[in-house]
Amino acid sequence: AAVILKGNDTPFGSVGWWAYAGISCFLVLFAGIMSGLTLGLMSLGLVELEILQRSGTDSEKAQAATILPVVQKQHQLLVTLLLCNAVAMEALPIFLDRIFHPVVAVVLSVTFVLAFGEVIPQAICTRYGLAVGANFVWLVRILMIMCYPIAYPIGKLLDCALGHNESALFRRAQLKALVSIHSKEAGKGGELTHDETTIISGALDLTEKTAQEAMTPIESTFSLDVDSKLDW
């Protein structure tokens, strides 16, 4: 136990030992927040946020309005979060090495980063990405300012190379498929009835249909002579 708890130059139980331990815990927590925010914020599209602003609940509208200005700077945001996450994960073994045996420091670093820095935060942010992102947007803004000299130029280079983050709107065929998925008949919890699905799909098809497609061949119709007397 003495060998395991013995660092390079920090006695176990000393003020320095507890300071390094506290810094290590902070780095694990910080790396976890950055990892979760990377997944949570980058998975929120501009169209999805605009939809939530218009039709979501009051809390969703407020959260979407808070997140939208940050997400619009997609590449700068991505570089900021990845840079901060990398700094935290790279610094963690350095501080653990001061309070533990080097082998133990590596094992603990990998374990903590995997469990508390990747798996758990990403699992939470996958499910509650909007709420988590809105609650930590203040931290993201501060980090974007701090990392601006590095993140902004790299973000601009990515904008030039990959294009700006434009809203990915659905085509008619995609909207029709989306409506079909949201029907009750699809069995996925949708609220649209069969008639509503048919009406919406038909409206989306109007631009592609011609009058000829809606016409009935004359030989298939029933007709009466204009001089016929209707004697019921």
C-alpha atoms as a PDB file:
ATOM      1  CA  ALA A   1       0.000   0.000   0.000  1.00  0.00           C
ATOM      2  CA  ALA A   2       2.866   2.330   0.789  1.00  0.00           C
ATOM      3  CA  VAL A   3       4.375   1.730  -2.638  1.00  0.00           C
ATOM      4  CA  ILE A   4       1.049   2.289  -4.366  1.00  0.00           C
ATOM      5  CA  LEU A   5       0.341   5.537  -2.530  1.00  0.00           C
ATOM      6  CA  LYS A   6       3.869   6.818  -2.883  1.00  0.00           C
ATOM      7  CA  GLY A   7       4.286   9.456  -5.553  1.00  0.00           C
ATOM      8  CA  ASN A   8       7.442  10.872  -6.997  1.00  0.00           C
ATOM      9  CA  ASP A   9       7.936  13.494  -4.307  1.00  0.00           C
ATOM     10  CA  THR A  10       4.621  13.922  -2.461  1.00  0.00           C
ATOM     11  CA  PRO A  11       4.084  12.074   0.859  1.00  0.00           C
ATOM     12  CA  PHE A  12       0.664  10.503   1.330  1.00  0.00           C
ATOM     13  CA  GLY A  13      -1.638  12.612   3.508  1.00  0.00           C
ATOM     14  CA  SER A  14       0.297  15.835   3.092  1.00  0.00           C
ATOM     15  CA  VAL A  15      -1.299  19.078   1.947  1.00  0.00           C
ATOM     16  CA  GLY A  16       0.358  18.702  -1.444  1.00  0.00           C
ATOM     17  CA  TRP A  17      -0.985  15.160  -1.804  1.00  0.00           C
ATOM     18  CA  TRP A  18      -4.555  16.281  -1.187  1.00  0.00           C
ATOM     19  CA  ALA A  19      -4.072  19.250  -3.505  1.00  0.00           C
ATOM     20  CA  TYR A  20      -2.928  17.004  -6.356  1.00  0.00           C
ATOM     21  CA  ALA A  21      -5.766  14.584  -5.612  1.00  0.00           C
ATOM     22  CA  GLY A  22      -8.279  17.437  -5.753  1.00  0.00           C
ATOM     23  CA  ILE A  23      -6.841  18.716  -9.031  1.00  0.00           C
ATOM     24  CA  SER A  24      -7.031  15.190 -10.464  1.00  0.00           C
ATOM     25  CA  CYS A  25     -10.705  14.890  -9.488  1.00  0.00           C
ATOM     26  CA  PHE A  26     -11.399  18.290 -11.035  1.00  0.00           C
ATOM     27  CA  LEU A  27      -9.698  17.259 -14.285  1.00  0.00           C
ATOM     28  CA  VAL A  28     -11.764  14.060 -14.479  1.00  0.00           C
ATOM     29  CA  LEU A  29     -14.961  16.036 -13.891  1.00  0.00           C
ATOM     30  CA  PHE A  30     -13.957  18.729 -16.379  1.00  0.00           C
ATOM     31  CA  ALA A  31     -13.039  16.164 -19.044  1.00  0.00           C
ATOM     32  CA  GLY A  32     -16.387  14.459 -18.509  1.00  0.00           C
ATOM     33  CA  ILE A  33     -18.283  17.715 -18.949  1.00  0.00           C
ATOM     34  CA  MET A  34     -16.372  18.518 -22.137  1.00  0.00           C
ATOM     35  CA  SER A  35     -16.958  15.035 -23.538  1.00  0.00           C
ATOM     36  CA  GLY A  36     -20.668  15.161 -22.740  1.00  0.00           C
ATOM     37  CA  LEU A  37     -21.101  18.661 -24.147  1.00  0.00           C
ATOM     38  CA  THR A  38     -19.279  17.672 -27.330  1.00  0.00           C
ATOM     39  CA  LEU A  39     -21.793  14.922 -27.964  1.00  0.00           C
ATOM     40  CA  GLY A  40     -24.807  16.784 -26.615  1.00  0.00           C
ATOM     41  CA  LEU A  41     -24.314  20.123 -28.371  1.00  0.00           C
ATOM     42  CA  MET A  42     -22.921  18.816 -31.642  1.00  0.00           C
ATOM     43  CA  SER A  43     -25.857  16.433 -32.022  1.00  0.00           C
ATOM     44  CA  LEU A  44     -28.352  19.312 -31.894  1.00  0.00           C
ATOM     45  CA  GLY A  45     -29.070  20.575 -35.396  1.00  0.00           C
ATOM     46  CA  LEU A  46     -30.114  24.130 -36.161  1.00  0.00           C
ATOM     47  CA  VAL A  47     -33.410  22.952 -37.644  1.00  0.00           C
ATOM     48  CA  GLU A  48     -34.181  20.907 -34.543  1.00  0.00           C
ATOM     49  CA  LEU A  49     -33.472  23.890 -32.294  1.00  0.00           C
ATOM     50  CA  GLU A  50     -35.655  26.190 -34.397  1.00  0.00           C
ATOM     51  CA  ILE A  51     -38.484  23.652 -34.230  1.00  0.00           C
ATOM     52  CA  LEU A  52     -38.166  23.493 -30.451  1.00  0.00           C
ATOM     53  CA  GLN A  53     -38.192  27.297 -30.272  1.00  0.00           C
ATOM     54  CA  ARG A  54     -41.493  27.407 -32.149  1.00  0.00           C
ATOM     55  CA  SER A  55     -43.350  24.342 -30.920  1.00  0.00           C
ATOM     56  CA  GLY A  56     -41.634  23.009 -27.802  1.00  0.00           C
ATOM     57  CA  THR A  57     -42.654  23.411 -24.195  1.00  0.00           C
ATOM     58  CA  ASP A  58     -41.809  26.623 -22.373  1.00  0.00           C
ATOM     59  CA  SER A  59     -38.643  25.095 -20.927  1.00  0.00           C
ATOM     60  CA  GLU A  60     -37.603  23.649 -24.294  1.00  0.00           C
ATOM     61  CA  LYS A  61     -38.142  27.011 -25.993  1.00  0.00           C
ATOM     62  CA  ALA A  62     -35.938  28.743 -23.415  1.00  0.00           C
ATOM     63  CA  GLN A  63     -33.245  26.063 -23.618  1.00  0.00           C
ATOM     64  CA  ALA A  64     -33.196  26.081 -27.418  1.00  0.00           C
ATOM     65  CA  ALA A  65     -32.974  29.881 -27.514  1.00  0.00           C
ATOM     66  CA  THR A  66     -30.030  29.744 -25.103  1.00  0.00           C
ATOM     67  CA  ILE A  67     -28.118  27.109 -27.054  1.00  0.00           C
ATOM     68  CA  LEU A  68     -28.778  28.292 -30.619  1.00  0.00           C
ATOM     69  CA  PRO A  69     -26.247  31.203 -30.743  1.00  0.00           C
ATOM     70  CA  VAL A  70     -23.476  28.893 -29.529  1.00  0.00           C
ATOM     71  CA  VAL A  71     -24.317  25.993 -31.841  1.00  0.00           C
ATOM     72  CA  GLN A  72     -24.357  28.339 -34.844  1.00  0.00           C
ATOM     73  CA  LYS A  73     -20.558  28.589 -34.477  1.00  0.00           C
ATOM     74  CA  GLN A  74     -20.287  24.853 -34.986  1.00  0.00           C
ATOM     75  CA  HIS A  75     -16.632  24.428 -35.891  1.00  0.00           C
ATOM     76  CA  GLN A  76     -15.328  26.938 -33.344  1.00  0.00           C
ATOM     77  CA  LEU A  77     -17.444  25.219 -30.693  1.00  0.00           C
ATOM     78  CA  LEU A  78     -16.140  21.803 -31.712  1.00  0.00           C
ATOM     79  CA  VAL A  79     -12.494  22.897 -31.560  1.00  0.00           C
ATOM     80  CA  THR A  80     -13.030  24.567 -28.171  1.00  0.00           C
ATOM     81  CA  LEU A  81     -14.613  21.502 -26.568  1.00  0.00           C
ATOM     82  CA  LEU A  82     -12.090  19.064 -28.026  1.00  0.00           C
ATOM     83  CA  LEU A  83      -9.162  21.277 -27.042  1.00  0.00           C
ATOM     84  CA  CYS A  84     -10.340  21.606 -23.437  1.00  0.00           C
ATOM     85  CA  ASN A  85     -11.089  17.894 -23.233  1.00  0.00           C
ATOM     86  CA  ALA A  86      -7.639  17.015 -24.564  1.00  0.00           C
ATOM     87  CA  VAL A  87      -5.896  19.366 -22.109  1.00  0.00           C
ATOM     88  CA  ALA A  88      -7.747  17.845 -19.152  1.00  0.00           C
ATOM     89  CA  MET A  89      -7.072  14.247 -20.176  1.00  0.00           C
ATOM     90  CA  GLU A  90      -3.402  14.884 -20.922  1.00  0.00           C
ATOM     91  CA  ALA A  91      -2.868  16.723 -17.633  1.00  0.00           C
ATOM     92  CA  LEU A  92      -4.534  14.050 -15.496  1.00  0.00           C
ATOM     93  CA  PRO A  93      -1.671  11.474 -15.579  1.00  0.00           C
ATOM     94  CA  ILE A  94       0.832  14.210 -14.700  1.00  0.00           C
ATOM     95  CA  PHE A  95      -0.911  15.000 -11.410  1.00  0.00           C
ATOM     96  CA  LEU A  96      -1.725  11.371 -10.614  1.00  0.00           C
ATOM     97  CA  ASP A  97       1.935  10.518 -11.111  1.00  0.00           C
ATOM     98  CA  ARG A  98       2.788  12.930  -8.279  1.00  0.00           C
ATOM     99  CA  ILE A  99       0.684  11.015  -5.725  1.00  0.00           C
ATOM    100  CA  PHE A 100       0.692   7.417  -6.994  1.00  0.00           C
ATOM    101  CA  HIS A 101       3.161   4.934  -8.401  1.00  0.00           C
ATOM    102  CA  PRO A 102       3.516   5.562 -12.178  1.00  0.00           C
ATOM    103  CA  VAL A 103       1.892   2.232 -13.075  1.00  0.00           C
ATOM    104  CA  VAL A 104      -1.038   2.923 -10.763  1.00  0.00           C
ATOM    105  CA  ALA A 105      -1.296   6.461 -12.126  1.00  0.00           C
ATOM    106  CA  VAL A 106      -1.688   5.144 -15.673  1.00  0.00           C
ATOM    107  CA  VAL A 107      -4.293   2.545 -14.645  1.00  0.00           C
ATOM    108  CA  LEU A 108      -6.315   5.068 -12.640  1.00  0.00           C
ATOM    109  CA  SER A 109      -6.071   7.653 -15.396  1.00  0.00           C
ATOM    110  CA  VAL A 110      -7.416   5.269 -18.034  1.00  0.00           C
ATOM    111  CA  THR A 111     -10.150   3.991 -15.708  1.00  0.00           C
ATOM    112  CA  PHE A 112     -11.322   7.418 -14.584  1.00  0.00           C
ATOM    113  CA  VAL A 113     -11.234   8.891 -18.080  1.00  0.00           C
ATOM    114  CA  LEU A 114     -13.137   5.953 -19.569  1.00  0.00           C
ATOM    115  CA  ALA A 115     -15.794   5.697 -16.864  1.00  0.00           C
ATOM    116  CA  PHE A 116     -16.265   9.260 -15.628  1.00  0.00           C
ATOM    117  CA  GLY A 117     -14.814  11.164 -18.562  1.00  0.00           C
ATOM    118  CA  GLU A 118     -16.440   9.358 -21.474  1.00  0.00           C
ATOM    119  CA  VAL A 119     -19.072   6.670 -20.840  1.00  0.00           C
ATOM    120  CA  ILE A 120     -21.210   8.225 -18.102  1.00  0.00           C
ATOM    121  CA  PRO A 121     -21.204  11.839 -19.425  1.00  0.00           C
ATOM    122  CA  GLN A 122     -21.979  10.764 -22.980  1.00  0.00           C
ATOM    123  CA  ALA A 123     -24.755   8.448 -21.807  1.00  0.00           C
ATOM    124  CA  ILE A 124     -26.347  11.314 -19.871  1.00  0.00           C
ATOM    125  CA  CYS A 125     -25.924  13.901 -22.629  1.00  0.00           C
ATOM    126  CA  THR A 126     -27.283  11.546 -25.271  1.00  0.00           C
ATOM    127  CA  ARG A 127     -30.575  11.492 -23.381  1.00  0.00           C
ATOM    128  CA  TYR A 128     -30.623  14.992 -21.885  1.00  0.00           C
ATOM    129  CA  GLY A 129     -28.436  16.906 -24.336  1.00  0.00           C
ATOM    130  CA  LEU A 130     -30.724  19.942 -24.584  1.00  0.00           C
ATOM    131  CA  ALA A 131     -31.068  20.461 -20.831  1.00  0.00           C
ATOM    132  CA  VAL A 132     -27.391  19.802 -20.076  1.00  0.00           C
ATOM    133  CA  GLY A 133     -26.246  22.082 -22.888  1.00  0.00           C
ATOM    134  CA  ALA A 134     -28.494  24.920 -21.705  1.00  0.00           C
ATOM    135  CA  ASN A 135     -27.261  24.614 -18.104  1.00  0.00           C
ATOM    136  CA  PHE A 136     -23.588  24.655 -19.126  1.00  0.00           C
ATOM    137  CA  VAL A 137     -23.801  27.211 -21.926  1.00  0.00           C
ATOM    138  CA  TRP A 138     -22.264  29.839 -19.607  1.00  0.00           C
ATOM    139  CA  LEU A 139     -19.192  27.632 -19.204  1.00  0.00           C
ATOM    140  CA  VAL A 140     -19.017  27.033 -22.948  1.00  0.00           C
ATOM    141  CA  ARG A 141     -19.072  30.780 -23.627  1.00  0.00           C
ATOM    142  CA  ILE A 142     -16.202  31.350 -21.178  1.00  0.00           C
ATOM    143  CA  LEU A 143     -14.156  28.551 -22.725  1.00  0.00           C
ATOM    144  CA  MET A 144     -14.816  29.855 -26.243  1.00  0.00           C
ATOM    145  CA  ILE A 145     -13.429  33.231 -25.169  1.00  0.00           C
ATOM    146  CA  MET A 146     -10.391  31.642 -23.505  1.00  0.00           C
ATOM    147  CA  CYS A 147      -9.671  29.378 -26.497  1.00  0.00           C
ATOM    148  CA  TYR A 148     -10.514  32.058 -29.067  1.00  0.00           C
ATOM    149  CA  PRO A 149      -6.914  32.592 -30.320  1.00  0.00           C
ATOM    150  CA  ILE A 150      -6.679  28.896 -31.217  1.00  0.00           C
ATOM    151  CA  ALA A 151     -10.279  27.818 -31.799  1.00  0.00           C
ATOM    152  CA  TYR A 152     -11.360  30.728 -34.007  1.00  0.00           C
ATOM    153  CA  PRO A 153      -8.661  30.357 -36.717  1.00  0.00           C
ATOM    154  CA  ILE A 154      -9.060  26.576 -36.822  1.00  0.00           C
ATOM    155  CA  GLY A 155     -12.835  26.969 -36.932  1.00  0.00           C
ATOM    156  CA  LYS A 156     -12.546  29.372 -39.866  1.00  0.00           C
ATOM    157  CA  LEU A 157     -10.258  26.948 -41.692  1.00  0.00           C
ATOM    158  CA  LEU A 158     -12.827  24.203 -41.186  1.00  0.00           C
ATOM    159  CA  ASP A 159     -15.552  26.548 -42.433  1.00  0.00           C
ATOM    160  CA  CYS A 160     -13.551  27.183 -45.611  1.00  0.00           C
ATOM    161  CA  ALA A 161     -12.685  23.529 -46.108  1.00  0.00           C
ATOM    162  CA  LEU A 162     -16.002  21.926 -45.164  1.00  0.00           C
ATOM    163  CA  GLY A 163     -18.425  24.799 -45.616  1.00  0.00           C
ATOM    164  CA  HIS A 164     -20.519  26.700 -43.128  1.00  0.00           C
ATOM    165  CA  ASN A 165     -23.032  24.918 -40.976  1.00  0.00           C
ATOM    166  CA  GLU A 166     -26.217  25.508 -42.940  1.00  0.00           C
ATOM    167  CA  SER A 167     -29.616  24.260 -41.876  1.00  0.00           C
ATOM    168  CA  ALA A 168     -30.235  20.830 -43.342  1.00  0.00           C
ATOM    169  CA  LEU A 169     -33.841  21.041 -44.494  1.00  0.00           C
ATOM    170  CA  PHE A 170     -35.858  17.990 -45.498  1.00  0.00           C
ATOM    171  CA  ARG A 171     -36.811  17.307 -49.093  1.00  0.00           C
ATOM    172  CA  ARG A 172     -40.410  16.446 -49.972  1.00  0.00           C
ATOM    173  CA  ALA A 173     -39.699  12.727 -50.088  1.00  0.00           C
ATOM    174  CA  GLN A 174     -38.022  12.897 -46.690  1.00  0.00           C
ATOM    175  CA  LEU A 175     -40.922  14.850 -45.207  1.00  0.00           C
ATOM    176  CA  LYS A 176     -43.340  12.272 -46.590  1.00  0.00           C
ATOM    177  CA  ALA A 177     -41.319   9.462 -45.022  1.00  0.00           C
ATOM    178  CA  LEU A 178     -41.150  11.399 -41.744  1.00  0.00           C
ATOM    179  CA  VAL A 179     -44.926  11.809 -41.705  1.00  0.00           C
ATOM    180  CA  SER A 180     -45.342   8.106 -42.398  1.00  0.00           C
ATOM    181  CA  ILE A 181     -43.076   7.217 -39.474  1.00  0.00           C
ATOM    182  CA  HIS A 182     -45.129   9.452 -37.155  1.00  0.00           C
ATOM    183  CA  SER A 183     -48.402   7.752 -38.046  1.00  0.00           C
ATOM    184  CA  LYS A 184     -50.119   5.484 -35.536  1.00  0.00           C
ATOM    185  CA  GLU A 185     -49.981   2.649 -38.050  1.00  0.00           C
ATOM    186  CA  ALA A 186     -46.172   2.687 -37.954  1.00  0.00           C
ATOM    187  CA  GLY A 187     -46.338   1.504 -34.343  1.00  0.00           C
ATOM    188  CA  LYS A 188     -43.591   3.844 -33.112  1.00  0.00           C
ATOM    189  CA  GLY A 189     -45.665   6.019 -30.824  1.00  0.00           C
ATOM    190  CA  GLY A 190     -46.748   8.534 -33.456  1.00  0.00           C
ATOM    191  CA  GLU A 191     -49.940  10.575 -33.031  1.00  0.00           C
ATOM    192  CA  LEU A 192     -51.032  11.022 -36.665  1.00  0.00           C
ATOM    193  CA  THR A 193     -54.093   9.084 -37.782  1.00  0.00           C
ATOM    194  CA  HIS A 194     -54.350   7.308 -41.124  1.00  0.00           C
ATOM    195  CA  ASP A 195     -56.495  10.102 -42.597  1.00  0.00           C
ATOM    196  CA  GLU A 196     -54.087  12.813 -41.421  1.00  0.00           C
ATOM    197  CA  THR A 197     -51.134  10.914 -42.856  1.00  0.00           C
ATOM    198  CA  THR A 198     -52.931  10.462 -46.179  1.00  0.00           C
ATOM    199  CA  ILE A 199     -53.890  14.148 -46.414  1.00  0.00           C
ATOM    200  CA  ILE A 200     -50.382  15.407 -45.597  1.00  0.00           C
ATOM    201  CA  SER A 201     -48.720  12.941 -47.973  1.00  0.00           C
ATOM    202  CA  GLY A 202     -51.177  13.870 -50.709  1.00  0.00           C
ATOM    203  CA  ALA A 203     -50.475  17.577 -50.230  1.00  0.00           C
ATOM    204  CA  LEU A 204     -46.734  16.928 -50.528  1.00  0.00           C
ATOM    205  CA  ASP A 205     -47.308  15.042 -53.780  1.00  0.00           C
ATOM    206  CA  LEU A 206     -49.332  17.834 -55.419  1.00  0.00           C
ATOM    207  CA  THR A 207     -46.328  19.466 -57.082  1.00  0.00           C
ATOM    208  CA  GLU A 208     -45.473  16.219 -58.867  1.00  0.00           C
ATOM    209  CA  LYS A 209     -48.973  15.189 -59.918  1.00  0.00           C
ATOM    210  CA  THR A 210     -50.628  16.306 -63.139  1.00  0.00           C
ATOM    211  CA  ALA A 211     -54.309  16.701 -63.921  1.00  0.00           C
ATOM    212  CA  GLN A 212     -54.104  13.620 -66.125  1.00  0.00           C
ATOM    213  CA  GLU A 213     -53.293  11.432 -63.126  1.00  0.00           C
ATOM    214  CA  ALA A 214     -56.489  12.560 -61.379  1.00  0.00           C
ATOM    215  CA  MET A 215     -58.706  12.147 -64.444  1.00  0.00           C
ATOM    216  CA  THR A 216     -60.959   9.131 -65.091  1.00  0.00           C
ATOM    217  CA  PRO A 217     -60.982   7.636 -68.608  1.00  0.00           C
ATOM    218  CA  ILE A 218     -64.209   8.430 -70.446  1.00  0.00           C
ATOM    219  CA  GLU A 219     -64.880   4.754 -71.093  1.00  0.00           C
ATOM    220  CA  SER A 220     -64.836   4.124 -67.360  1.00  0.00           C
ATOM    221  CA  THR A 221     -67.487   6.738 -66.580  1.00  0.00           C
ATOM    222  CA  PHE A 222     -71.267   6.425 -66.438  1.00  0.00           C
ATOM    223  CA  SER A 223     -73.127   9.047 -68.429  1.00  0.00           C
ATOM    224  CA  LEU A 224     -76.672   9.995 -69.382  1.00  0.00           C
ATOM    225  CA  ASP A 225     -78.029  11.602 -72.479  1.00  0.00           C
ATOM    226  CA  VAL A 226     -78.679  15.289 -72.078  1.00  0.00           C
ATOM    227  CA  ASP A 227     -82.304  14.796 -73.094  1.00  0.00           C
ATOM    228  CA  SER A 228     -82.914  11.883 -70.727  1.00  0.00           C
ATOM    229  CA  LYS A 229     -85.737  12.287 -68.246  1.00  0.00           C
ATOM    230  CA  LEU A 230     -84.913  11.526 -64.653  1.00  0.00           C
ATOM    231  CA  ASP A 231     -87.851   9.485 -63.471  1.00  0.00           C
ATOM    232  CA  TRP A 232     -87.052   8.168 -60.010  1.00  0.00           C
END
